[in-house]
Amino acid sequence: MLGKKKLDERGLTLPEIKKILEDRKEKGELLYEQGIALDHLMKFCKLDLKSAQKLKEELLGIGVSSEIAVKITDILPEDKYDLGVIYAKERHVLDDEETEKILEIVKKYK
């Protein structure tokens, strides 16, 4: 597209996307796809915006990458197998100590 360039690229959690779409809905009508996305987020978003941001910050604080922190915040894994699925494509393999630390942090926000 002519005249358009990417200004910023970062991962957003589901509650952050929900907030953006709600703000756009207040300003005017959403596109069809945006409306469907907002309906989906209303049904399946597990955390509020503040909790999601705090969880993401805590995960970043212990050395989890930004992409993985967003995925963990969206999915809220319950056990080491769920967490293993999130880390399946990563080169870093979690040891038991890291797994327990992440799961303890996630448990605080459920």
C-alpha atoms as a PDB file:
ATOM      1  CA  MET A   1       0.000   0.000   0.000  1.00  0.00           C
ATOM      2  CA  LEU A   2       1.298   3.369  -0.963  1.00  0.00           C
ATOM      3  CA  GLY A   3       2.110   5.760   1.844  1.00  0.00           C
ATOM      4  CA  LYS A   4       1.792   3.261   4.680  1.00  0.00           C
ATOM      5  CA  LYS A   5       4.650   2.056   6.775  1.00  0.00           C
ATOM      6  CA  LYS A   6       4.923   0.058   9.932  1.00  0.00           C
ATOM      7  CA  LEU A   7       5.518   2.331  12.913  1.00  0.00           C
ATOM      8  CA  ASP A   8       5.792  -0.231  15.671  1.00  0.00           C
ATOM      9  CA  GLU A   9       5.753  -3.979  16.048  1.00  0.00           C
ATOM     10  CA  ARG A  10       5.133  -5.591  19.407  1.00  0.00           C
ATOM     11  CA  GLY A  11       3.044  -8.411  20.758  1.00  0.00           C
ATOM     12  CA  LEU A  12      -0.259  -7.511  22.378  1.00  0.00           C
ATOM     13  CA  THR A  13      -2.176  -9.574  24.875  1.00  0.00           C
ATOM     14  CA  LEU A  14      -5.848 -10.343  24.318  1.00  0.00           C
ATOM     15  CA  PRO A  15      -7.012  -7.802  26.947  1.00  0.00           C
ATOM     16  CA  GLU A  16      -4.922  -5.085  25.240  1.00  0.00           C
ATOM     17  CA  ILE A  17      -6.522  -5.898  21.880  1.00  0.00           C
ATOM     18  CA  LYS A  18      -9.961  -5.943  23.496  1.00  0.00           C
ATOM     19  CA  LYS A  19      -9.352  -2.440  24.907  1.00  0.00           C
ATOM     20  CA  ILE A  20      -8.241  -1.119  21.510  1.00  0.00           C
ATOM     21  CA  LEU A  21     -11.333  -2.528  19.788  1.00  0.00           C
ATOM     22  CA  GLU A  22     -13.662  -1.225  22.509  1.00  0.00           C
ATOM     23  CA  ASP A  23     -12.145   2.251  22.137  1.00  0.00           C
ATOM     24  CA  ARG A  24     -12.612   2.113  18.368  1.00  0.00           C
ATOM     25  CA  LYS A  25     -16.210   0.958  18.812  1.00  0.00           C
ATOM     26  CA  GLU A  26     -16.933   4.006  21.002  1.00  0.00           C
ATOM     27  CA  LYS A  27     -15.522   6.331  18.333  1.00  0.00           C
ATOM     28  CA  GLY A  28     -17.449   4.742  15.476  1.00  0.00           C
ATOM     29  CA  GLU A  29     -18.584   1.553  13.848  1.00  0.00           C
ATOM     30  CA  LEU A  30     -16.181  -1.380  13.636  1.00  0.00           C
ATOM     31  CA  LEU A  31     -15.429  -3.264  10.450  1.00  0.00           C
ATOM     32  CA  TYR A  32     -17.038  -6.697  10.177  1.00  0.00           C
ATOM     33  CA  GLU A  33     -13.836  -8.559  11.092  1.00  0.00           C
ATOM     34  CA  GLN A  34     -13.179  -6.248  14.034  1.00  0.00           C
ATOM     35  CA  GLY A  35     -16.694  -6.868  15.350  1.00  0.00           C
ATOM     36  CA  ILE A  36     -16.202 -10.623  15.174  1.00  0.00           C
ATOM     37  CA  ALA A  37     -12.830 -10.301  16.916  1.00  0.00           C
ATOM     38  CA  LEU A  38     -14.366  -8.183  19.688  1.00  0.00           C
ATOM     39  CA  ASP A  39     -17.192 -10.713  20.188  1.00  0.00           C
ATOM     40  CA  HIS A  40     -14.607 -13.488  20.448  1.00  0.00           C
ATOM     41  CA  LEU A  41     -12.558 -11.500  22.959  1.00  0.00           C
ATOM     42  CA  MET A  42     -15.641 -10.749  25.085  1.00  0.00           C
ATOM     43  CA  LYS A  43     -16.291 -14.493  25.382  1.00  0.00           C
ATOM     44  CA  PHE A  44     -12.767 -15.861  25.778  1.00  0.00           C
ATOM     45  CA  CYS A  45     -10.605 -13.153  27.341  1.00  0.00           C
ATOM     46  CA  LYS A  46      -9.653 -14.547  30.769  1.00  0.00           C
ATOM     47  CA  LEU A  47      -8.026 -11.503  32.428  1.00  0.00           C
ATOM     48  CA  ASP A  48      -8.753  -7.812  32.718  1.00  0.00           C
ATOM     49  CA  LEU A  49      -6.296  -5.318  31.253  1.00  0.00           C
ATOM     50  CA  LYS A  50      -4.479  -4.420  34.492  1.00  0.00           C
ATOM     51  CA  SER A  51      -3.993  -8.046  35.554  1.00  0.00           C
ATOM     52  CA  ALA A  52      -2.718  -8.986  32.100  1.00  0.00           C
ATOM     53  CA  GLN A  53      -0.215  -6.134  32.119  1.00  0.00           C
ATOM     54  CA  LYS A  54       1.021  -7.045  35.613  1.00  0.00           C
ATOM     55  CA  LEU A  55       1.369 -10.723  34.681  1.00  0.00           C
ATOM     56  CA  LYS A  56       3.265  -9.861  31.504  1.00  0.00           C
ATOM     57  CA  GLU A  57       5.606  -7.537  33.436  1.00  0.00           C
ATOM     58  CA  GLU A  58       6.307 -10.205  36.065  1.00  0.00           C
ATOM     59  CA  LEU A  59       7.126 -12.743  33.369  1.00  0.00           C
ATOM     60  CA  LEU A  60       9.427 -10.289  31.617  1.00  0.00           C
ATOM     61  CA  GLY A  61      11.065  -9.618  34.987  1.00  0.00           C
ATOM     62  CA  ILE A  62      12.150 -13.233  35.374  1.00  0.00           C
ATOM     63  CA  GLY A  63      13.658 -13.395  31.893  1.00  0.00           C
ATOM     64  CA  VAL A  64      10.807 -14.720  29.753  1.00  0.00           C
ATOM     65  CA  SER A  65      10.907 -13.322  26.208  1.00  0.00           C
ATOM     66  CA  SER A  66       8.252 -10.808  25.186  1.00  0.00           C
ATOM     67  CA  GLU A  67       6.585 -13.150  22.675  1.00  0.00           C
ATOM     68  CA  ILE A  68       6.374 -16.004  25.171  1.00  0.00           C
ATOM     69  CA  ALA A  69       5.135 -13.669  27.938  1.00  0.00           C
ATOM     70  CA  VAL A  70       2.250 -12.611  25.685  1.00  0.00           C
ATOM     71  CA  LYS A  71       1.380 -16.234  24.880  1.00  0.00           C
ATOM     72  CA  ILE A  72       1.496 -17.254  28.542  1.00  0.00           C
ATOM     73  CA  THR A  73      -0.685 -14.272  29.484  1.00  0.00           C
ATOM     74  CA  ASP A  74      -3.262 -15.195  26.840  1.00  0.00           C
ATOM     75  CA  ILE A  75      -3.341 -18.945  27.509  1.00  0.00           C
ATOM     76  CA  LEU A  76      -2.712 -19.068  31.297  1.00  0.00           C
ATOM     77  CA  PRO A  77      -1.187 -22.561  31.321  1.00  0.00           C
ATOM     78  CA  GLU A  78      -2.223 -24.790  34.228  1.00  0.00           C
ATOM     79  CA  ASP A  79       0.602 -27.322  34.266  1.00  0.00           C
ATOM     80  CA  LYS A  80       4.035 -28.061  32.872  1.00  0.00           C
ATOM     81  CA  TYR A  81       2.579 -29.813  29.817  1.00  0.00           C
ATOM     82  CA  ASP A  82       0.620 -26.710  28.775  1.00  0.00           C
ATOM     83  CA  LEU A  83       3.732 -24.629  29.308  1.00  0.00           C
ATOM     84  CA  GLY A  84       5.739 -27.148  27.283  1.00  0.00           C
ATOM     85  CA  VAL A  85       3.398 -26.642  24.326  1.00  0.00           C
ATOM     86  CA  ILE A  86       4.040 -22.889  24.443  1.00  0.00           C
ATOM     87  CA  TYR A  87       7.814 -23.503  24.502  1.00  0.00           C
ATOM     88  CA  ALA A  88       7.711 -26.297  21.877  1.00  0.00           C
ATOM     89  CA  LYS A  89       9.187 -24.190  19.058  1.00  0.00           C
ATOM     90  CA  GLU A  90      11.687 -22.344  21.234  1.00  0.00           C
ATOM     91  CA  ARG A  91      15.354 -23.238  21.452  1.00  0.00           C
ATOM     92  CA  HIS A  92      15.364 -22.658  25.194  1.00  0.00           C
ATOM     93  CA  VAL A  93      14.280 -25.716  27.160  1.00  0.00           C
ATOM     94  CA  LEU A  94      12.750 -24.974  30.547  1.00  0.00           C
ATOM     95  CA  ASP A  95      14.116 -26.745  33.578  1.00  0.00           C
ATOM     96  CA  ASP A  96      11.858 -27.693  36.501  1.00  0.00           C
ATOM     97  CA  GLU A  97      12.775 -24.592  38.525  1.00  0.00           C
ATOM     98  CA  GLU A  98      11.857 -22.191  35.703  1.00  0.00           C
ATOM     99  CA  THR A  99       8.646 -24.092  35.028  1.00  0.00           C
ATOM    100  CA  GLU A 100       7.548 -23.913  38.651  1.00  0.00           C
ATOM    101  CA  LYS A 101       8.402 -20.212  38.880  1.00  0.00           C
ATOM    102  CA  ILE A 102       6.320 -19.394  35.793  1.00  0.00           C
ATOM    103  CA  LEU A 103       3.388 -21.530  36.942  1.00  0.00           C
ATOM    104  CA  GLU A 104       3.419 -19.888  40.397  1.00  0.00           C
ATOM    105  CA  ILE A 105       3.247 -16.443  38.815  1.00  0.00           C
ATOM    106  CA  VAL A 106       0.399 -17.504  36.501  1.00  0.00           C
ATOM    107  CA  LYS A 107      -1.509 -19.072  39.401  1.00  0.00           C
ATOM    108  CA  LYS A 108      -1.595 -15.692  41.207  1.00  0.00           C
ATOM    109  CA  TYR A 109      -3.592 -14.180  38.334  1.00  0.00           C
ATOM    110  CA  LYS A 110      -6.138 -16.932  37.732  1.00  0.00           C
END
